[in-house]
């Protein structure tokens, strides 16, 4: 159980949960074919990465493999990683 203190707001767990929810929603928009888009966020997450011990890490790695920034706990906004073409 979370106890507010040490400089953390009592609302911190809820804020963290909302941030994770938004991140999963962003991943659903970026990767619509990875899992059923009609699923809720938590079900979609497990549909996309299975049920590993570290689903957030697996989701970030999936986004990176698909050419996007990590979406969870990332300070940068969502960016597509473009492949540079070799010059002749």
Protein backbone atom coordinates (compact mmCIF):
# COMPACT_ATOMS: atom_id res chain seq x y z
CA UNK A 1 0.00 0.00 0.00
CA UNK A 2 1.29 3.43 -0.93
CA UNK A 3 1.71 5.97 1.86
CA UNK A 4 2.19 9.62 0.91
CA UNK A 5 5.36 11.11 2.22
CA UNK A 6 8.96 11.73 1.30
CA UNK A 7 7.86 14.46 -1.10
CA UNK A 8 5.33 12.35 -3.01
CA UNK A 9 1.76 13.48 -3.38
CA UNK A 10 -1.04 11.26 -2.16
CA UNK A 11 -2.30 11.37 -5.76
CA UNK A 12 0.98 10.03 -7.19
CA UNK A 13 -0.21 6.42 -7.70
CA UNK A 14 -3.29 7.64 -9.58
CA UNK A 15 -1.15 9.97 -11.72
CA UNK A 16 1.19 7.11 -12.52
CA UNK A 17 -1.73 4.87 -13.45
CA UNK A 18 -3.16 7.56 -15.76
CA UNK A 19 0.24 8.04 -17.40
CA UNK A 20 0.47 4.30 -18.06
CA UNK A 21 -3.11 4.28 -19.40
CA UNK A 22 -2.28 7.12 -21.84
CA UNK A 23 0.90 5.37 -22.92
CA UNK A 24 -0.99 2.17 -23.73
CA UNK A 25 -3.60 4.19 -25.65
CA UNK A 26 -0.77 5.81 -27.66
CA UNK A 27 0.71 2.38 -28.39
CA UNK A 28 -2.70 1.14 -29.53
CA UNK A 29 -2.88 4.04 -31.99
CA UNK A 30 0.66 3.47 -33.26
CA UNK A 31 0.41 -0.30 -33.51
CA UNK A 32 -3.22 -1.11 -34.39
CA UNK A 33 -2.42 -4.51 -35.91
CA UNK A 34 -0.49 -5.89 -32.93
CA UNK A 35 -3.56 -6.83 -30.91
CA UNK A 36 -7.32 -6.40 -31.09
CA UNK A 37 -7.90 -2.60 -30.92
CA UNK A 38 -11.33 -3.08 -29.36
CA UNK A 39 -9.77 -4.45 -26.17
CA UNK A 40 -9.37 -2.28 -23.11
CA UNK A 41 -5.87 -0.95 -22.38
CA UNK A 42 -4.74 -3.67 -19.97
CA UNK A 43 -6.13 -6.51 -22.10
CA UNK A 44 -4.57 -4.94 -25.21
CA UNK A 45 -1.19 -4.73 -23.47
CA UNK A 46 -1.24 -8.45 -22.66
CA UNK A 47 -2.54 -9.24 -26.13
CA UNK A 48 0.35 -7.31 -27.66
CA UNK A 49 3.22 -8.61 -25.53
CA UNK A 50 1.87 -11.75 -23.88
CA UNK A 51 2.11 -12.06 -20.11
CA UNK A 52 5.81 -11.54 -19.41
CA UNK A 53 7.17 -10.50 -16.04
CA UNK A 54 7.96 -7.05 -17.47
CA UNK A 55 5.10 -6.07 -19.84
CA UNK A 56 6.03 -2.37 -19.89
CA UNK A 57 9.58 -3.16 -20.97
CA UNK A 58 8.26 -5.53 -23.63
CA UNK A 59 5.87 -2.84 -24.91
CA UNK A 60 8.70 -0.29 -25.16
CA UNK A 61 10.89 -2.81 -27.00
CA UNK A 62 8.01 -3.62 -29.37
CA UNK A 63 7.58 0.08 -30.18
CA UNK A 64 11.31 0.43 -30.82
CA UNK A 65 11.30 -2.61 -33.14
CA UNK A 66 8.40 -1.06 -35.06
CA UNK A 67 10.25 2.25 -35.55
CA UNK A 68 8.78 4.38 -32.76
CA UNK A 69 10.11 5.80 -29.51
CA UNK A 70 9.37 3.93 -26.34
CA UNK A 71 5.90 5.02 -25.20
CA UNK A 72 5.97 4.31 -21.46
CA UNK A 73 7.95 6.54 -19.08
CA UNK A 74 9.66 8.34 -21.93
CA UNK A 75 10.41 12.05 -21.70
CA UNK A 76 10.22 12.57 -25.47
CA UNK A 77 6.93 12.79 -27.29
CA UNK A 78 6.16 9.98 -29.69
CA UNK A 79 8.51 10.14 -32.62
CA UNK A 80 8.88 7.88 -35.62
CA UNK A 81 12.44 6.72 -36.08
CA UNK A 82 13.24 7.24 -39.73
CA UNK A 83 15.69 5.06 -41.59
CA UNK A 84 18.40 7.07 -43.33
CA UNK A 85 19.04 6.04 -46.90
CA UNK A 86 22.60 5.43 -47.97
CA UNK A 87 23.89 8.00 -50.43
CA UNK A 88 25.38 6.83 -53.68
